[in-house]
Every structure is written in structure tokens, then in C-alpha cells.
Amino acid sequence: MSYDGPPASVMTLAEVEAVARAAHAAQRDKAGRPYAEHLQAVADGVRARGGGDELVAAAWLHDAVEDGVLSEEWLAAAALTPCTKDVVRAVSKRPDEEPRAYAERILATPGARLVKAADLAHNADPHRLAALDEATARRLTQKYATMRQYLGLTSESREIPGTSEISDD
């Protein structure tokens, strides 16, 4: 198979956002908030961490395949760059996947760590966790801390060392 470059007409960020919002429209987060708020926060977090359009697009779609609101077939055929598709696949946790294997796939995919860092930062936001029951908040806090550790993210800043080295080309 030869690589012919990105699709001739790549979806704009506004189009990607619209697809993601529509796909997750019926979904709520664990606190009962519209799921699109999480997608927006992750996209904003990726941009704030220096991610370009390809990674922001991946942020909008980061849970779509994992949550089953868009299929892998949709992703394969979508007018997205290979980078965006690779990052979405990398951050899509698979059923019964061990956290360490998940982290290794993220680390092996350029740009995926930045998207996952933004996702973890929003998931671990104290305001979001405060809306959950204590046991759930405690379980998720530990889960997110473990993943940050596997990804080599500092727990204090939840930032990525050497972010400027991560390219979205």
C-alpha cells in the first residue's frame, strides 16, 4: 500500500467539531453534564498545550470510537489527516485493555500523549470530580493518577515535559 498524503479535502475544525457534537449529542458525562462540554475542554486543552489543528481535531474525536458513537469504518473513511486518525485510534481504549498497554500505544503515537494529557487534565478537574459521589471520585482520581504516571506526566502540573517537541505535522 502506498501513502498518497492526506485526503484532498480535509475536514475543517468546525466540521470536525460539528460531527463530534452530533455524535455525542445524547451522551452525558458521569456528573450528568452534556458530553460536548468535555470535548470542548479537551480541544481547548490541546490548543493551550501547543497542539495544532490535527491534534485539536483528534481531541474533538478522542472518545468517539471508544464510546461507539462513530465507528472505526467511519474514521477510516473520514476526510481527516493520517495524524488525526492515528491519534484517535491511539487514545481509543479497547475493551479489557490493560492500562499499561494502553499507555504504551499512546506513547508510541506522535501527538497522542498531548491529547491524552488534556483529556486527563479535564477528567481530573476538582470541580468535575466534586460533582461525583465520593467513592467514584476517589476511584477515578486514582485511575487518572496511574495513567499520568504511565505517560510520564507530572501530577502537579499535568503538563507534558517538552511539549514544544511534539509536532502535529
N, C-alpha and C. Protein backbone atom coordinates (compact mmCIF):
# COMPACT_ATOMS: atom_id res chain seq x y z
N MET A 1 0.85 -1.17 0.00
CA MET A 1 0.00 0.00 0.00
C MET A 1 0.90 1.23 0.00
N SER A 2 0.60 2.17 -0.85
CA SER A 2 1.39 3.40 -0.91
C SER A 2 0.64 4.52 -0.20
N TYR A 3 1.42 5.44 0.32
CA TYR A 3 0.85 6.60 1.01
C TYR A 3 0.79 7.75 0.03
N ASP A 4 -0.41 8.28 -0.17
CA ASP A 4 -0.60 9.37 -1.11
C ASP A 4 -0.80 10.71 -0.42
N GLY A 5 -0.51 10.80 0.85
CA GLY A 5 -0.68 12.05 1.58
C GLY A 5 -2.08 12.16 2.16
N PRO A 6 -2.38 13.30 2.78
CA PRO A 6 -3.68 13.48 3.41
C PRO A 6 -4.79 13.54 2.36
N PRO A 7 -6.02 13.33 2.78
CA PRO A 7 -7.14 13.43 1.83
C PRO A 7 -7.10 14.79 1.13
N ALA A 8 -7.56 14.82 -0.12
CA ALA A 8 -7.54 16.06 -0.90
C ALA A 8 -8.27 17.19 -0.19
N SER A 9 -9.37 16.87 0.45
CA SER A 9 -10.14 17.87 1.15
C SER A 9 -10.34 17.41 2.59
N VAL A 10 -9.52 17.93 3.47
CA VAL A 10 -9.58 17.56 4.88
C VAL A 10 -10.68 18.38 5.55
N MET A 11 -11.43 17.74 6.42
CA MET A 11 -12.49 18.43 7.17
C MET A 11 -11.89 19.60 7.94
N THR A 12 -12.63 20.68 8.00
CA THR A 12 -12.21 21.82 8.81
C THR A 12 -12.45 21.48 10.28
N LEU A 13 -11.83 22.26 11.16
CA LEU A 13 -12.08 22.06 12.59
C LEU A 13 -13.55 22.28 12.93
N ALA A 14 -14.18 23.24 12.29
CA ALA A 14 -15.61 23.48 12.54
C ALA A 14 -16.43 22.26 12.13
N GLU A 15 -16.06 21.61 11.03
CA GLU A 15 -16.77 20.40 10.59
C GLU A 15 -16.53 19.24 11.56
N VAL A 16 -15.29 19.09 12.01
CA VAL A 16 -14.97 18.03 12.96
C VAL A 16 -15.74 18.26 14.26
N GLU A 17 -15.74 19.49 14.75
CA GLU A 17 -16.49 19.82 15.96
C GLU A 17 -17.98 19.49 15.78
N ALA A 18 -18.55 19.86 14.65
CA ALA A 18 -19.97 19.59 14.40
C ALA A 18 -20.25 18.08 14.39
N VAL A 19 -19.38 17.31 13.76
CA VAL A 19 -19.55 15.84 13.75
C VAL A 19 -19.48 15.30 15.17
N ALA A 20 -18.49 15.74 15.93
CA ALA A 20 -18.31 15.24 17.30
C ALA A 20 -19.50 15.61 18.18
N ARG A 21 -19.94 16.86 18.08
CA ARG A 21 -21.09 17.29 18.88
C ARG A 21 -22.34 16.48 18.52
N ALA A 22 -22.57 16.26 17.23
CA ALA A 22 -23.74 15.48 16.81
C ALA A 22 -23.63 14.03 17.26
N ALA A 23 -22.45 13.45 17.13
CA ALA A 23 -22.25 12.05 17.50
C ALA A 23 -22.47 11.83 19.00
N HIS A 24 -22.07 12.77 19.81
CA HIS A 24 -22.18 12.65 21.27
C HIS A 24 -23.40 13.38 21.83
N ALA A 25 -24.29 13.85 20.98
CA ALA A 25 -25.41 14.70 21.41
C ALA A 25 -26.25 14.10 22.53
N ALA A 26 -26.48 12.82 22.50
CA ALA A 26 -27.34 12.18 23.51
C ALA A 26 -26.56 11.77 24.75
N GLN A 27 -25.27 11.96 24.75
CA GLN A 27 -24.41 11.47 25.82
C GLN A 27 -24.23 12.52 26.91
N ARG A 28 -24.13 12.04 28.14
CA ARG A 28 -23.85 12.88 29.31
C ARG A 28 -22.61 12.33 30.00
N ASP A 29 -21.88 13.19 30.70
CA ASP A 29 -20.74 12.69 31.47
C ASP A 29 -21.24 12.11 32.79
N LYS A 30 -20.32 11.63 33.61
CA LYS A 30 -20.70 10.98 34.87
C LYS A 30 -21.44 11.91 35.83
N ALA A 31 -21.26 13.22 35.66
CA ALA A 31 -21.94 14.19 36.51
C ALA A 31 -23.25 14.66 35.90
N GLY A 32 -23.60 14.11 34.73
CA GLY A 32 -24.85 14.48 34.08
C GLY A 32 -24.78 15.68 33.16
N ARG A 33 -23.58 16.19 32.92
CA ARG A 33 -23.39 17.34 32.03
C ARG A 33 -23.34 16.88 30.58
N PRO A 34 -23.70 17.76 29.63
CA PRO A 34 -23.58 17.39 28.22
C PRO A 34 -22.14 17.00 27.88
N TYR A 35 -21.98 15.88 27.19
CA TYR A 35 -20.64 15.37 26.91
C TYR A 35 -19.82 16.33 26.06
N ALA A 36 -20.49 17.14 25.25
CA ALA A 36 -19.78 18.09 24.39
C ALA A 36 -18.93 19.06 25.21
N GLU A 37 -19.32 19.33 26.46
CA GLU A 37 -18.50 20.21 27.31
C GLU A 37 -17.12 19.61 27.53
N HIS A 38 -17.06 18.28 27.71
CA HIS A 38 -15.77 17.61 27.88
C HIS A 38 -14.96 17.69 26.59
N LEU A 39 -15.60 17.45 25.47
CA LEU A 39 -14.90 17.51 24.19
C LEU A 39 -14.31 18.90 23.96
N GLN A 40 -15.09 19.93 24.24
CA GLN A 40 -14.63 21.31 24.10
C GLN A 40 -13.43 21.58 25.00
N ALA A 41 -13.52 21.12 26.25
CA ALA A 41 -12.42 21.34 27.20
C ALA A 41 -11.14 20.64 26.75
N VAL A 42 -11.27 19.43 26.23
CA VAL A 42 -10.08 18.71 25.76
C VAL A 42 -9.50 19.39 24.53
N ALA A 43 -10.35 19.81 23.60
CA ALA A 43 -9.86 20.54 22.42
C ALA A 43 -9.15 21.83 22.84
N ASP A 44 -9.74 22.57 23.77
CA ASP A 44 -9.12 23.80 24.27
C ASP A 44 -7.80 23.48 24.97
N GLY A 45 -7.76 22.39 25.72
CA GLY A 45 -6.54 21.98 26.42
C GLY A 45 -5.43 21.60 25.47
N VAL A 46 -5.78 20.94 24.38
CA VAL A 46 -4.78 20.59 23.37
C VAL A 46 -4.21 21.86 22.75
N ARG A 47 -5.07 22.79 22.40
CA ARG A 47 -4.61 24.05 21.80
C ARG A 47 -3.71 24.80 22.80
N ALA A 48 -4.12 24.86 24.06
CA ALA A 48 -3.34 25.57 25.08
C ALA A 48 -1.98 24.92 25.31
N ARG A 49 -1.86 23.62 25.05
CA ARG A 49 -0.60 22.91 25.21
C ARG A 49 0.25 22.95 23.95
N GLY A 50 -0.18 23.72 22.96
CA GLY A 50 0.61 23.89 21.75
C GLY A 50 0.22 22.99 20.60
N GLY A 51 -0.86 22.25 20.72
CA GLY A 51 -1.28 21.37 19.64
C GLY A 51 -1.88 22.14 18.48
N GLY A 52 -1.57 21.70 17.28
CA GLY A 52 -2.10 22.31 16.07
C GLY A 52 -3.45 21.71 15.68
N ASP A 53 -3.91 22.08 14.51
CA ASP A 53 -5.25 21.68 14.07
C ASP A 53 -5.46 20.17 14.02
N GLU A 54 -4.45 19.40 13.61
CA GLU A 54 -4.61 17.95 13.53
C GLU A 54 -4.87 17.35 14.91
N LEU A 55 -4.19 17.86 15.93
CA LEU A 55 -4.38 17.33 17.27
C LEU A 55 -5.66 17.87 17.91
N VAL A 56 -6.04 19.10 17.58
CA VAL A 56 -7.32 19.63 18.07
C VAL A 56 -8.46 18.81 17.47
N ALA A 57 -8.36 18.45 16.19
CA ALA A 57 -9.37 17.59 15.57
C ALA A 57 -9.44 16.24 16.30
N ALA A 58 -8.29 15.68 16.61
CA ALA A 58 -8.25 14.41 17.34
C ALA A 58 -8.89 14.57 18.73
N ALA A 59 -8.67 15.71 19.35
CA ALA A 59 -9.28 15.96 20.67
C ALA A 59 -10.81 15.94 20.57
N TRP A 60 -11.35 16.58 19.53
CA TRP A 60 -12.81 16.57 19.36
C TRP A 60 -13.34 15.15 19.19
N LEU A 61 -12.53 14.28 18.58
CA LEU A 61 -12.97 12.92 18.27
C LEU A 61 -12.41 11.87 19.22
N HIS A 62 -11.71 12.29 20.28
CA HIS A 62 -10.93 11.35 21.08
C HIS A 62 -11.74 10.23 21.73
N ASP A 63 -13.00 10.43 22.00
CA ASP A 63 -13.82 9.38 22.62
C ASP A 63 -14.84 8.77 21.67
N ALA A 64 -14.92 9.25 20.44
CA ALA A 64 -15.99 8.84 19.53
C ALA A 64 -15.97 7.36 19.19
N VAL A 65 -14.80 6.81 18.87
CA VAL A 65 -14.71 5.39 18.53
C VAL A 65 -14.84 4.55 19.80
N GLU A 66 -14.13 4.97 20.85
CA GLU A 66 -14.18 4.23 22.13
C GLU A 66 -15.60 4.14 22.67
N ASP A 67 -16.35 5.22 22.57
CA ASP A 67 -17.72 5.24 23.08
C ASP A 67 -18.73 4.64 22.10
N GLY A 68 -18.27 4.30 20.90
CA GLY A 68 -19.15 3.68 19.92
C GLY A 68 -20.11 4.63 19.23
N VAL A 69 -19.87 5.94 19.32
CA VAL A 69 -20.77 6.89 18.66
C VAL A 69 -20.35 7.11 17.20
N LEU A 70 -19.12 6.77 16.87
CA LEU A 70 -18.64 6.72 15.50
C LEU A 70 -17.85 5.42 15.36
N SER A 71 -17.94 4.79 14.20
CA SER A 71 -17.28 3.51 14.01
C SER A 71 -15.85 3.67 13.50
N GLU A 72 -15.09 2.62 13.63
CA GLU A 72 -13.75 2.59 13.06
C GLU A 72 -13.85 2.74 11.54
N GLU A 73 -14.90 2.21 10.94
CA GLU A 73 -15.09 2.35 9.50
C GLU A 73 -15.32 3.82 9.13
N TRP A 74 -16.08 4.52 9.96
CA TRP A 74 -16.28 5.95 9.72
C TRP A 74 -14.93 6.66 9.78
N LEU A 75 -14.15 6.36 10.82
CA LEU A 75 -12.85 7.01 10.99
C LEU A 75 -11.95 6.72 9.79
N ALA A 76 -11.91 5.48 9.34
CA ALA A 76 -11.04 5.11 8.22
C ALA A 76 -11.40 5.90 6.96
N ALA A 77 -12.69 6.12 6.74
CA ALA A 77 -13.15 6.79 5.52
C ALA A 77 -13.22 8.31 5.65
N ALA A 78 -13.12 8.83 6.87
CA ALA A 78 -13.30 10.26 7.10
C ALA A 78 -12.20 11.09 6.43
N ALA A 79 -12.56 12.30 6.04
CA ALA A 79 -11.62 13.23 5.42
C ALA A 79 -10.80 13.91 6.51
N LEU A 80 -9.94 13.11 7.13
CA LEU A 80 -9.05 13.56 8.20
C LEU A 80 -7.63 13.19 7.82
N THR A 81 -6.66 13.88 8.40
CA THR A 81 -5.27 13.54 8.11
C THR A 81 -4.91 12.22 8.78
N PRO A 82 -3.89 11.53 8.26
CA PRO A 82 -3.44 10.30 8.92
C PRO A 82 -3.05 10.54 10.38
N CYS A 83 -2.45 11.68 10.68
CA CYS A 83 -2.08 12.00 12.06
C CYS A 83 -3.30 12.02 12.96
N THR A 84 -4.35 12.71 12.54
CA THR A 84 -5.57 12.78 13.35
C THR A 84 -6.14 11.39 13.58
N LYS A 85 -6.22 10.60 12.53
CA LYS A 85 -6.76 9.25 12.64
C LYS A 85 -5.91 8.39 13.57
N ASP A 86 -4.58 8.48 13.43
CA ASP A 86 -3.68 7.70 14.28
C ASP A 86 -3.86 8.06 15.75
N VAL A 87 -3.99 9.35 16.04
CA VAL A 87 -4.15 9.78 17.43
C VAL A 87 -5.49 9.30 17.99
N VAL A 88 -6.55 9.43 17.21
CA VAL A 88 -7.86 8.95 17.68
C VAL A 88 -7.78 7.46 17.99
N ARG A 89 -7.17 6.69 17.11
CA ARG A 89 -7.03 5.24 17.35
C ARG A 89 -6.19 4.97 18.59
N ALA A 90 -5.13 5.73 18.77
CA ALA A 90 -4.24 5.51 19.91
C ALA A 90 -4.91 5.78 21.24
N VAL A 91 -5.74 6.81 21.30
CA VAL A 91 -6.37 7.18 22.58
C VAL A 91 -7.70 6.47 22.80
N SER A 92 -8.12 5.64 21.85
CA SER A 92 -9.36 4.87 22.00
C SER A 92 -9.05 3.59 22.76
N LYS A 93 -9.44 3.57 24.02
CA LYS A 93 -9.19 2.39 24.86
C LYS A 93 -10.03 1.24 24.35
N ARG A 94 -9.43 0.06 24.33
CA ARG A 94 -10.10 -1.14 23.84
C ARG A 94 -10.67 -1.93 25.01
N PRO A 95 -11.75 -2.67 24.76
CA PRO A 95 -12.37 -3.45 25.85
C PRO A 95 -11.34 -4.37 26.52
N ASP A 96 -11.36 -4.37 27.84
CA ASP A 96 -10.48 -5.23 28.65
C ASP A 96 -8.99 -4.96 28.46
N GLU A 97 -8.65 -3.80 27.91
CA GLU A 97 -7.25 -3.46 27.71
C GLU A 97 -6.60 -3.06 29.02
N GLU A 98 -5.42 -3.56 29.25
CA GLU A 98 -4.66 -3.20 30.44
C GLU A 98 -4.18 -1.75 30.31
N PRO A 99 -4.24 -0.98 31.40
CA PRO A 99 -3.82 0.42 31.34
C PRO A 99 -2.39 0.62 30.83
N ARG A 100 -1.48 -0.27 31.19
CA ARG A 100 -0.09 -0.09 30.74
C ARG A 100 0.02 -0.27 29.22
N ALA A 101 -0.70 -1.23 28.66
CA ALA A 101 -0.68 -1.44 27.21
C ALA A 101 -1.29 -0.23 26.50
N TYR A 102 -2.35 0.29 27.06
CA TYR A 102 -2.99 1.49 26.53
C TYR A 102 -2.00 2.65 26.52
N ALA A 103 -1.30 2.85 27.63
CA ALA A 103 -0.32 3.94 27.73
C ALA A 103 0.82 3.74 26.73
N GLU A 104 1.26 2.52 26.54
CA GLU A 104 2.35 2.26 25.60
C GLU A 104 1.95 2.62 24.17
N ARG A 105 0.70 2.34 23.80
CA ARG A 105 0.22 2.70 22.46
C ARG A 105 0.18 4.23 22.31
N ILE A 106 -0.28 4.90 23.36
CA ILE A 106 -0.31 6.37 23.33
C ILE A 106 1.10 6.93 23.17
N LEU A 107 2.04 6.41 23.94
CA LEU A 107 3.41 6.90 23.88
C LEU A 107 4.07 6.63 22.53
N ALA A 108 3.63 5.58 21.84
CA ALA A 108 4.21 5.21 20.55
C ALA A 108 3.62 6.00 19.38
N THR A 109 2.60 6.82 19.65
CA THR A 109 1.91 7.56 18.58
C THR A 109 2.17 9.05 18.73
N PRO A 110 2.88 9.66 17.80
CA PRO A 110 3.15 11.09 17.90
C PRO A 110 1.87 11.92 18.08
N GLY A 111 1.87 12.76 19.10
CA GLY A 111 0.75 13.65 19.38
C GLY A 111 -0.29 13.07 20.32
N ALA A 112 -0.36 11.76 20.46
CA ALA A 112 -1.40 11.14 21.29
C ALA A 112 -1.22 11.49 22.77
N ARG A 113 0.01 11.59 23.22
CA ARG A 113 0.26 11.92 24.62
C ARG A 113 -0.28 13.30 24.96
N LEU A 114 -0.15 14.24 24.05
CA LEU A 114 -0.64 15.59 24.29
C LEU A 114 -2.18 15.57 24.42
N VAL A 115 -2.86 14.84 23.52
CA VAL A 115 -4.32 14.75 23.59
C VAL A 115 -4.75 14.07 24.88
N LYS A 116 -4.07 12.99 25.24
CA LYS A 116 -4.44 12.28 26.46
C LYS A 116 -4.16 13.14 27.69
N ALA A 117 -3.10 13.93 27.67
CA ALA A 117 -2.81 14.82 28.80
C ALA A 117 -3.94 15.82 28.99
N ALA A 118 -4.45 16.39 27.91
CA ALA A 118 -5.56 17.34 28.01
C ALA A 118 -6.82 16.63 28.51
N ASP A 119 -7.05 15.41 28.05
CA ASP A 119 -8.19 14.62 28.49
C ASP A 119 -8.09 14.33 29.99
N LEU A 120 -6.94 13.88 30.43
CA LEU A 120 -6.76 13.58 31.86
C LEU A 120 -6.89 14.83 32.71
N ALA A 121 -6.36 15.93 32.24
CA ALA A 121 -6.46 17.18 33.00
C ALA A 121 -7.91 17.58 33.21
N HIS A 122 -8.73 17.45 32.18
CA HIS A 122 -10.14 17.81 32.35
C HIS A 122 -10.86 16.77 33.20
N ASN A 123 -10.59 15.51 32.97
CA ASN A 123 -11.24 14.46 33.77
C ASN A 123 -10.93 14.60 35.26
N ALA A 124 -9.71 15.02 35.57
CA ALA A 124 -9.28 15.13 36.96
C ALA A 124 -9.54 16.50 37.57
N ASP A 125 -10.22 17.37 36.84
CA ASP A 125 -10.52 18.71 37.36
C ASP A 125 -11.32 18.57 38.66
N PRO A 126 -10.87 19.21 39.73
CA PRO A 126 -11.55 19.08 41.02
C PRO A 126 -13.04 19.47 40.97
N HIS A 127 -13.39 20.43 40.15
CA HIS A 127 -14.80 20.83 40.05
C HIS A 127 -15.65 19.71 39.44
N ARG A 128 -15.09 19.01 38.46
CA ARG A 128 -15.82 17.88 37.86
C ARG A 128 -15.92 16.74 38.86
N LEU A 129 -14.83 16.44 39.54
CA LEU A 129 -14.82 15.33 40.49
C LEU A 129 -15.74 15.61 41.68
N ALA A 130 -15.87 16.88 42.06
CA ALA A 130 -16.72 17.25 43.21
C ALA A 130 -18.20 16.95 42.95
N ALA A 131 -18.58 16.85 41.69
CA ALA A 131 -19.97 16.56 41.35
C ALA A 131 -20.31 15.07 41.46
N LEU A 132 -19.29 14.25 41.71
CA LEU A 132 -19.48 12.79 41.79
C LEU A 132 -19.58 12.34 43.24
N ASP A 133 -20.10 11.13 43.44
CA ASP A 133 -20.10 10.59 44.80
C ASP A 133 -18.65 10.31 45.19
N GLU A 134 -18.41 10.28 46.48
CA GLU A 134 -17.04 10.19 46.99
C GLU A 134 -16.30 8.96 46.50
N ALA A 135 -16.94 7.81 46.49
CA ALA A 135 -16.27 6.58 46.06
C ALA A 135 -15.87 6.65 44.59
N THR A 136 -16.75 7.16 43.76
CA THR A 136 -16.44 7.28 42.33
C THR A 136 -15.32 8.28 42.12
N ALA A 137 -15.39 9.41 42.79
CA ALA A 137 -14.34 10.43 42.66
C ALA A 137 -12.98 9.87 43.09
N ARG A 138 -12.96 9.12 44.17
CA ARG A 138 -11.71 8.53 44.67
C ARG A 138 -11.16 7.51 43.66
N ARG A 139 -12.04 6.65 43.12
CA ARG A 139 -11.63 5.63 42.15
C ARG A 139 -11.07 6.29 40.89
N LEU A 140 -11.76 7.31 40.39
CA LEU A 140 -11.31 7.97 39.18
C LEU A 140 -10.02 8.76 39.40
N THR A 141 -9.90 9.39 40.54
CA THR A 141 -8.67 10.13 40.86
C THR A 141 -7.47 9.19 40.80
N GLN A 142 -7.61 7.99 41.37
CA GLN A 142 -6.52 7.01 41.35
C GLN A 142 -6.26 6.53 39.92
N LYS A 143 -7.31 6.28 39.16
CA LYS A 143 -7.17 5.83 37.78
C LYS A 143 -6.42 6.86 36.95
N TYR A 144 -6.78 8.13 37.10
CA TYR A 144 -6.13 9.19 36.32
C TYR A 144 -4.68 9.38 36.76
N ALA A 145 -4.41 9.27 38.05
CA ALA A 145 -3.04 9.41 38.55
C ALA A 145 -2.15 8.29 38.00
N THR A 146 -2.69 7.09 37.96
CA THR A 146 -1.94 5.95 37.42
C THR A 146 -1.61 6.17 35.96
N MET A 147 -2.58 6.62 35.19
CA MET A 147 -2.33 6.86 33.75
C MET A 147 -1.33 7.99 33.57
N ARG A 148 -1.42 9.05 34.35
CA ARG A 148 -0.42 10.13 34.25
C ARG A 148 0.98 9.58 34.54
N GLN A 149 1.07 8.69 35.51
CA GLN A 149 2.36 8.09 35.84
C GLN A 149 2.88 7.27 34.65
N TYR A 150 2.03 6.43 34.08
CA TYR A 150 2.44 5.61 32.93
C TYR A 150 2.89 6.47 31.75
N LEU A 151 2.26 7.63 31.59
CA LEU A 151 2.58 8.51 30.47
C LEU A 151 3.72 9.48 30.78
N GLY A 152 4.23 9.43 32.01
CA GLY A 152 5.33 10.31 32.38
C GLY A 152 4.92 11.75 32.57
N LEU A 153 3.67 11.97 32.91
CA LEU A 153 3.16 13.32 33.16
C LEU A 153 3.30 13.63 34.64
N THR A 154 3.65 14.86 34.97
CA THR A 154 3.78 15.22 36.37
C THR A 154 2.40 15.39 36.97
N SER A 155 2.22 14.93 38.17
CA SER A 155 0.91 15.03 38.81
C SER A 155 0.60 16.46 39.24
N GLU A 156 1.65 17.25 39.47
CA GLU A 156 1.41 18.62 39.92
C GLU A 156 0.83 19.48 38.80
N SER A 157 1.48 19.45 37.64
CA SER A 157 1.08 20.37 36.58
C SER A 157 0.19 19.72 35.54
N ARG A 158 0.26 18.40 35.47
CA ARG A 158 -0.46 17.66 34.43
C ARG A 158 -0.07 18.14 33.04
N GLU A 159 1.12 18.68 32.94
CA GLU A 159 1.61 19.17 31.65
C GLU A 159 2.59 18.15 31.07
N ILE A 160 2.94 18.35 29.86
CA ILE A 160 3.85 17.46 29.16
C ILE A 160 5.22 18.09 29.09
N PRO A 161 6.23 17.41 29.68
CA PRO A 161 7.58 17.93 29.53
C PRO A 161 7.95 17.94 28.05
N GLY A 162 8.55 19.00 27.58
CA GLY A 162 8.99 19.08 26.20
C GLY A 162 7.85 19.17 25.20
N THR A 163 6.75 19.79 25.59
CA THR A 163 5.62 19.92 24.68
C THR A 163 6.02 20.51 23.35
N SER A 164 6.97 21.43 23.34
CA SER A 164 7.34 22.09 22.10
C SER A 164 7.94 21.09 21.11
N GLU A 165 8.38 19.92 21.59
CA GLU A 165 8.94 18.93 20.70
C GLU A 165 7.86 18.11 19.99
N ILE A 166 6.64 18.17 20.46
CA ILE A 166 5.58 17.39 19.86
C ILE A 166 5.03 18.14 18.67
N SER A 167 5.09 17.49 17.54
CA SER A 167 4.64 18.11 16.30
C SER A 167 3.25 17.61 15.94
N ASP A 168 2.50 18.42 15.28
CA ASP A 168 1.20 17.97 14.79
C ASP A 168 1.23 17.88 13.26
N ASP A 169 2.43 17.78 12.70
CA ASP A 169 2.56 17.64 11.24
C ASP A 169 2.14 16.26 10.82
